[in-house]
């Protein structure tokens, strides 16, 4: 089953622009419909000082938000026109007080594409958090670095395989993308054998007609996340596929973890599933 419906979170900033660029490339490749979505909640001022603001001030904040929304919509339309997608794209405005609104809405799409969390000053409330979408949507998410500008999709994917549930979920969610790749590397980081082994996953992929190979690397001093990113650069990969939050999000937010490090530092698009 091919990808036919892509939703791209877009806020008009550099992070969102890189995500929209990849989403447009995917829409052309798969003949899919591309929906641009802007999520926005109340401003920090309105949230923090709501009880002290006059109706006039609240009205001014809302008017400014409406102007920003119009700018984002106009910019989205210009960008999809440049990408040649006028006939297969649409724009959606999600107004709510929680990023969970976007996570819920994403469930009716094949895949979500978005940049990392960043926004221009004064637009912070127009940017949804990819970690919330990855954790709560139940859909695969591709997070795109802000400097992504490839002229075409790189068709080499690396699968981060540790044998755990989240990795298996990511593998299944990514299969319709992996079947279109010219090369796939199944990468296990660490000395301890995992079950099922990377060789078993290679066998599965080959039964799907995917050219795949296994690779095992010890974790370097930078940890698992750093090793994953270094191998991706070494082999020239254009996509990393991995499970998200095998440990709790709370512990990763406090103590750090592979998912958190990849969210913050990955130099290539990353498909995550939870």
Protein backbone atom coordinates (compact mmCIF):
# COMPACT_ATOMS: atom_id res chain seq x y z
CA UNK A 1 0.00 0.00 0.00
CA UNK A 2 1.53 3.32 -1.09
CA UNK A 3 1.56 6.58 0.84
CA UNK A 4 -1.34 8.70 -0.38
CA UNK A 5 -1.94 11.26 2.37
CA UNK A 6 0.81 13.38 3.97
CA UNK A 7 0.34 16.04 6.63
CA UNK A 8 3.14 18.59 7.09
CA UNK A 9 3.23 20.87 10.10
CA UNK A 10 4.17 24.32 8.89
CA UNK A 11 4.70 27.57 10.77
CA UNK A 12 6.48 29.68 8.18
CA UNK A 13 9.92 29.46 9.83
CA UNK A 14 13.13 27.75 8.71
CA UNK A 15 12.36 24.50 10.53
CA UNK A 16 8.90 24.26 9.01
CA UNK A 17 10.19 25.17 5.56
CA UNK A 18 12.65 22.25 5.55
CA UNK A 19 9.90 19.86 6.59
CA UNK A 20 7.57 21.21 3.92
CA UNK A 21 10.29 20.78 1.28
CA UNK A 22 10.70 17.07 2.09
CA UNK A 23 6.93 16.60 2.35
CA UNK A 24 6.52 18.09 -1.13
CA UNK A 25 9.21 15.79 -2.51
CA UNK A 26 7.39 12.82 -0.99
CA UNK A 27 4.04 14.00 -2.37
CA UNK A 28 5.51 14.07 -5.89
CA UNK A 29 7.26 10.74 -5.48
CA UNK A 30 4.20 8.86 -4.20
CA UNK A 31 1.48 10.83 -5.98
CA UNK A 32 0.11 11.74 -2.55
CA UNK A 33 -2.08 14.59 -1.32
CA UNK A 34 -0.17 17.08 0.84
CA UNK A 35 -1.97 18.87 3.66
CA UNK A 36 -0.14 21.76 5.29
CA UNK A 37 -1.26 22.32 8.87
CA UNK A 38 -0.52 25.16 11.25
CA UNK A 39 -1.20 24.50 14.91
CA UNK A 40 -1.47 27.45 17.25
CA UNK A 41 -2.55 28.09 20.81
CA UNK A 42 -2.77 31.24 22.93
CA UNK A 43 0.29 33.45 23.29
CA UNK A 44 2.44 33.22 26.41
CA UNK A 45 1.15 36.62 27.50
CA UNK A 46 -2.47 35.53 27.16
CA UNK A 47 -1.84 32.24 28.96
CA UNK A 48 0.14 33.74 31.83
CA UNK A 49 -1.69 37.01 32.36
CA UNK A 50 -5.20 36.28 31.06
CA UNK A 51 -6.87 37.56 34.23
CA UNK A 52 -5.06 40.90 34.02
CA UNK A 53 -5.60 41.68 30.34
CA UNK A 54 -8.37 43.93 29.07
CA UNK A 55 -10.63 42.73 26.27
CA UNK A 56 -8.99 45.32 24.06
CA UNK A 57 -5.53 43.83 24.62
CA UNK A 58 -6.84 40.29 24.09
CA UNK A 59 -8.46 41.47 20.88
CA UNK A 60 -5.19 42.98 19.68
CA UNK A 61 -3.36 39.68 20.38
CA UNK A 62 -6.00 37.72 18.47
CA UNK A 63 -5.87 40.16 15.55
CA UNK A 64 -2.10 39.79 15.34
CA UNK A 65 -2.45 36.00 15.40
CA UNK A 66 -4.93 36.17 12.52
CA UNK A 67 -2.42 38.23 10.53
CA UNK A 68 0.35 35.71 11.21
CA UNK A 69 -1.97 32.88 10.15
CA UNK A 70 -2.73 34.66 6.88
CA UNK A 71 1.01 35.11 6.27
CA UNK A 72 1.67 31.41 6.92
CA UNK A 73 -1.17 30.30 4.65
CA UNK A 74 0.00 32.62 1.85
CA UNK A 75 3.59 31.39 2.20
CA UNK A 76 2.45 27.76 2.12
CA UNK A 77 0.47 28.36 -1.08
CA UNK A 78 3.47 30.02 -2.73
CA UNK A 79 5.76 27.16 -1.76
CA UNK A 80 3.49 24.39 -3.02
CA UNK A 81 3.06 26.33 -6.26
CA UNK A 82 6.85 26.36 -6.68
CA UNK A 83 6.87 22.63 -5.94
CA UNK A 84 4.20 22.07 -8.60
CA UNK A 85 1.59 20.73 -6.14
CA UNK A 86 -1.29 23.22 -6.49
CA UNK A 87 -3.72 20.48 -7.53
CA UNK A 88 -2.80 18.03 -4.79
CA UNK A 89 -2.46 20.16 -1.67
CA UNK A 90 -4.61 21.86 0.94
CA UNK A 91 -4.13 23.95 4.09
CA UNK A 92 -5.54 23.38 7.57
CA UNK A 93 -5.71 25.66 10.62
CA UNK A 94 -5.81 23.90 14.00
CA UNK A 95 -6.58 26.28 16.84
CA UNK A 96 -6.27 24.75 20.28
CA UNK A 97 -4.62 24.82 23.67
CA UNK A 98 -2.66 21.60 23.32
CA UNK A 99 -0.26 20.05 20.81
CA UNK A 100 -2.39 16.95 21.32
CA UNK A 101 -4.90 18.48 18.85
CA UNK A 102 -2.36 17.93 16.07
CA UNK A 103 -1.51 14.44 17.32
CA UNK A 104 -5.19 13.48 17.21
CA UNK A 105 -5.70 14.94 13.76
CA UNK A 106 -2.60 13.20 12.39
CA UNK A 107 -4.24 9.81 12.92
CA UNK A 108 -6.22 10.25 9.71
CA UNK A 109 -3.07 10.56 7.57
CA UNK A 110 -0.47 8.07 6.40
CA UNK A 111 2.48 10.01 7.75
CA UNK A 112 3.42 13.28 9.49
CA UNK A 113 6.35 15.44 8.37
CA UNK A 114 7.64 18.36 10.43
CA UNK A 115 10.74 20.28 11.45
CA UNK A 116 12.16 20.33 14.95
CA UNK A 117 10.62 22.68 17.48
CA UNK A 118 11.77 26.21 16.71
CA UNK A 119 10.09 29.51 15.96
CA UNK A 120 10.79 33.16 15.42
CA UNK A 121 10.36 35.48 18.39
CA UNK A 122 6.67 36.04 19.03
CA UNK A 123 5.61 32.94 17.06
CA UNK A 124 6.41 30.28 19.62
CA UNK A 125 2.73 29.42 20.03
CA UNK A 126 2.52 28.58 16.31
CA UNK A 127 4.90 25.62 16.53
CA UNK A 128 3.80 22.16 17.66
CA UNK A 129 6.18 19.81 19.46
CA UNK A 130 7.30 16.81 17.38
CA UNK A 131 7.94 14.73 20.50
CA UNK A 132 4.26 15.05 21.48
CA UNK A 133 3.14 14.07 17.97
CA UNK A 134 5.54 11.09 17.89
CA UNK A 135 4.40 9.87 21.29
CA UNK A 136 0.64 10.39 21.01
CA UNK A 137 -0.44 10.26 17.37
CA UNK A 138 0.09 6.56 16.69
CA UNK A 139 1.36 7.52 13.23
CA UNK A 140 4.92 7.56 11.86
CA UNK A 141 6.60 10.94 12.05
CA UNK A 142 9.46 12.22 9.92
CA UNK A 143 11.37 15.00 11.64
CA UNK A 144 13.47 17.11 9.29
CA UNK A 145 16.57 19.18 10.19
CA UNK A 146 16.29 22.90 9.49
CA UNK A 147 19.03 22.89 6.85
CA UNK A 148 17.47 20.15 4.70
CA UNK A 149 17.53 21.37 1.09
CA UNK A 150 18.32 18.28 -1.00
CA UNK A 151 17.34 18.59 -4.65
CA UNK A 152 15.91 15.07 -4.57
CA UNK A 153 15.22 12.35 -2.01
CA UNK A 154 18.25 10.28 -1.02
CA UNK A 155 17.16 6.65 -1.52
CA UNK A 156 19.42 5.02 1.09
CA UNK A 157 17.81 4.35 4.49
CA UNK A 158 19.33 3.16 7.75
CA UNK A 159 17.16 1.23 10.24
CA UNK A 160 18.26 1.49 13.88
CA UNK A 161 17.56 -2.03 15.13
CA UNK A 162 17.71 -3.07 18.80
CA UNK A 163 15.10 -5.83 18.67
CA UNK A 164 12.63 -3.93 20.87
CA UNK A 165 8.95 -3.11 20.39
CA UNK A 166 9.39 0.50 19.28
CA UNK A 167 11.97 -0.50 16.64
CA UNK A 168 9.60 -3.17 15.32
CA UNK A 169 6.79 -0.61 15.16
CA UNK A 170 9.00 1.82 13.24
CA UNK A 171 10.03 -0.93 10.82
CA UNK A 172 6.40 -1.81 10.10
CA UNK A 173 5.35 1.84 9.75
CA UNK A 174 8.26 2.55 7.39
CA UNK A 175 7.79 -0.49 5.16
CA UNK A 176 5.90 1.32 2.40
CA UNK A 177 8.76 3.83 2.24
CA UNK A 178 11.49 1.20 2.51
CA UNK A 179 10.01 -0.70 -0.43
CA UNK A 180 10.84 2.31 -2.62
CA UNK A 181 14.46 2.63 -1.43
CA UNK A 182 17.40 1.49 -3.54
CA UNK A 183 19.40 0.46 -0.47
CA UNK A 184 18.68 -0.24 3.21
CA UNK A 185 21.18 -0.79 6.03
CA UNK A 186 19.98 -2.49 9.24
CA UNK A 187 22.23 -1.09 11.96
CA UNK A 188 22.64 -2.54 15.45
CA UNK A 189 24.71 -0.51 17.93
CA UNK A 190 26.32 -2.35 20.83
CA UNK A 191 28.10 -5.58 21.73
CA UNK A 192 25.11 -7.49 23.14
CA UNK A 193 23.25 -9.65 20.57
CA UNK A 194 19.60 -8.70 20.03
CA UNK A 195 16.64 -10.89 19.11
CA UNK A 196 15.47 -10.95 16.45
CA UNK A 197 18.90 -10.22 15.01
CA UNK A 198 19.61 -7.70 12.25
CA UNK A 199 20.19 -10.61 9.86
CA UNK A 200 16.59 -11.75 10.44
CA UNK A 201 15.33 -8.26 9.58
CA UNK A 202 17.47 -8.28 6.43
CA UNK A 203 15.77 -11.54 5.44
CA UNK A 204 12.35 -9.96 6.00
CA UNK A 205 13.27 -6.94 3.90
CA UNK A 206 14.62 -9.06 1.07
CA UNK A 207 11.35 -10.98 0.98
CA UNK A 208 9.74 -7.63 0.31
CA UNK A 209 12.13 -7.09 -2.59
CA UNK A 210 14.28 -4.61 -0.69
CA UNK A 211 18.06 -4.60 -1.14
CA UNK A 212 19.31 -4.75 2.46
CA UNK A 213 22.41 -5.48 4.49
CA UNK A 214 23.19 -5.81 8.20
CA UNK A 215 25.77 -3.78 10.09
CA UNK A 216 26.87 -3.97 13.75
CA UNK A 217 28.82 -1.20 15.43
CA UNK A 218 29.96 -0.71 19.03
CA UNK A 219 28.74 2.47 20.66
CA UNK A 220 31.44 5.12 20.73
CA UNK A 221 32.08 7.47 23.63
CA UNK A 222 29.29 9.73 22.42
CA UNK A 223 26.73 6.99 23.04
CA UNK A 224 24.20 5.21 20.84
CA UNK A 225 22.68 8.34 19.31
CA UNK A 226 26.05 9.72 18.27
CA UNK A 227 27.01 6.37 16.74
CA UNK A 228 23.76 6.22 14.77
CA UNK A 229 24.32 9.69 13.34
CA UNK A 230 27.97 9.01 12.52
CA UNK A 231 27.13 5.79 10.64
CA UNK A 232 24.37 7.55 8.71
CA UNK A 233 26.87 10.15 7.55
CA UNK A 234 29.51 7.50 6.83
CA UNK A 235 27.26 5.45 4.53
CA UNK A 236 25.57 8.51 2.97
CA UNK A 237 22.08 7.73 4.24
CA UNK A 238 19.16 10.03 3.52
CA UNK A 239 16.77 8.64 6.15
CA UNK A 240 17.12 7.10 9.60
CA UNK A 241 14.28 4.82 10.79
CA UNK A 242 14.00 4.22 14.54
CA UNK A 243 11.63 3.60 17.41
CA UNK A 244 10.80 6.53 19.68
CA UNK A 245 10.77 6.54 23.48
CA UNK A 246 11.45 2.89 24.29
CA UNK A 247 12.09 4.34 27.75
CA UNK A 248 9.58 6.80 29.18
CA UNK A 249 9.50 10.31 27.74
CA UNK A 250 9.71 11.69 31.28
CA UNK A 251 13.00 9.92 31.98
CA UNK A 252 14.42 11.02 28.62
CA UNK A 253 13.40 14.64 29.23
CA UNK A 254 15.10 14.58 32.64
CA UNK A 255 18.06 12.28 32.07
CA UNK A 256 18.45 12.34 28.30
CA UNK A 257 18.22 9.42 25.92
CA UNK A 258 18.58 8.28 22.33
CA UNK A 259 15.25 9.72 21.17
CA UNK A 260 15.92 13.09 22.79
CA UNK A 261 19.43 13.29 21.33
CA UNK A 262 18.22 12.39 17.84
CA UNK A 263 15.42 14.97 18.04
CA UNK A 264 17.92 17.65 18.96
CA UNK A 265 20.91 16.79 16.77
CA UNK A 266 20.10 14.53 13.79
CA UNK A 267 21.63 15.94 10.57
CA UNK A 268 19.24 13.98 8.32
CA UNK A 269 15.49 13.24 8.20
CA UNK A 270 14.44 10.69 10.82
CA UNK A 271 11.31 8.53 10.73
CA UNK A 272 10.15 7.74 14.26
CA UNK A 273 7.31 5.62 15.61
CA UNK A 274 6.20 4.85 19.15
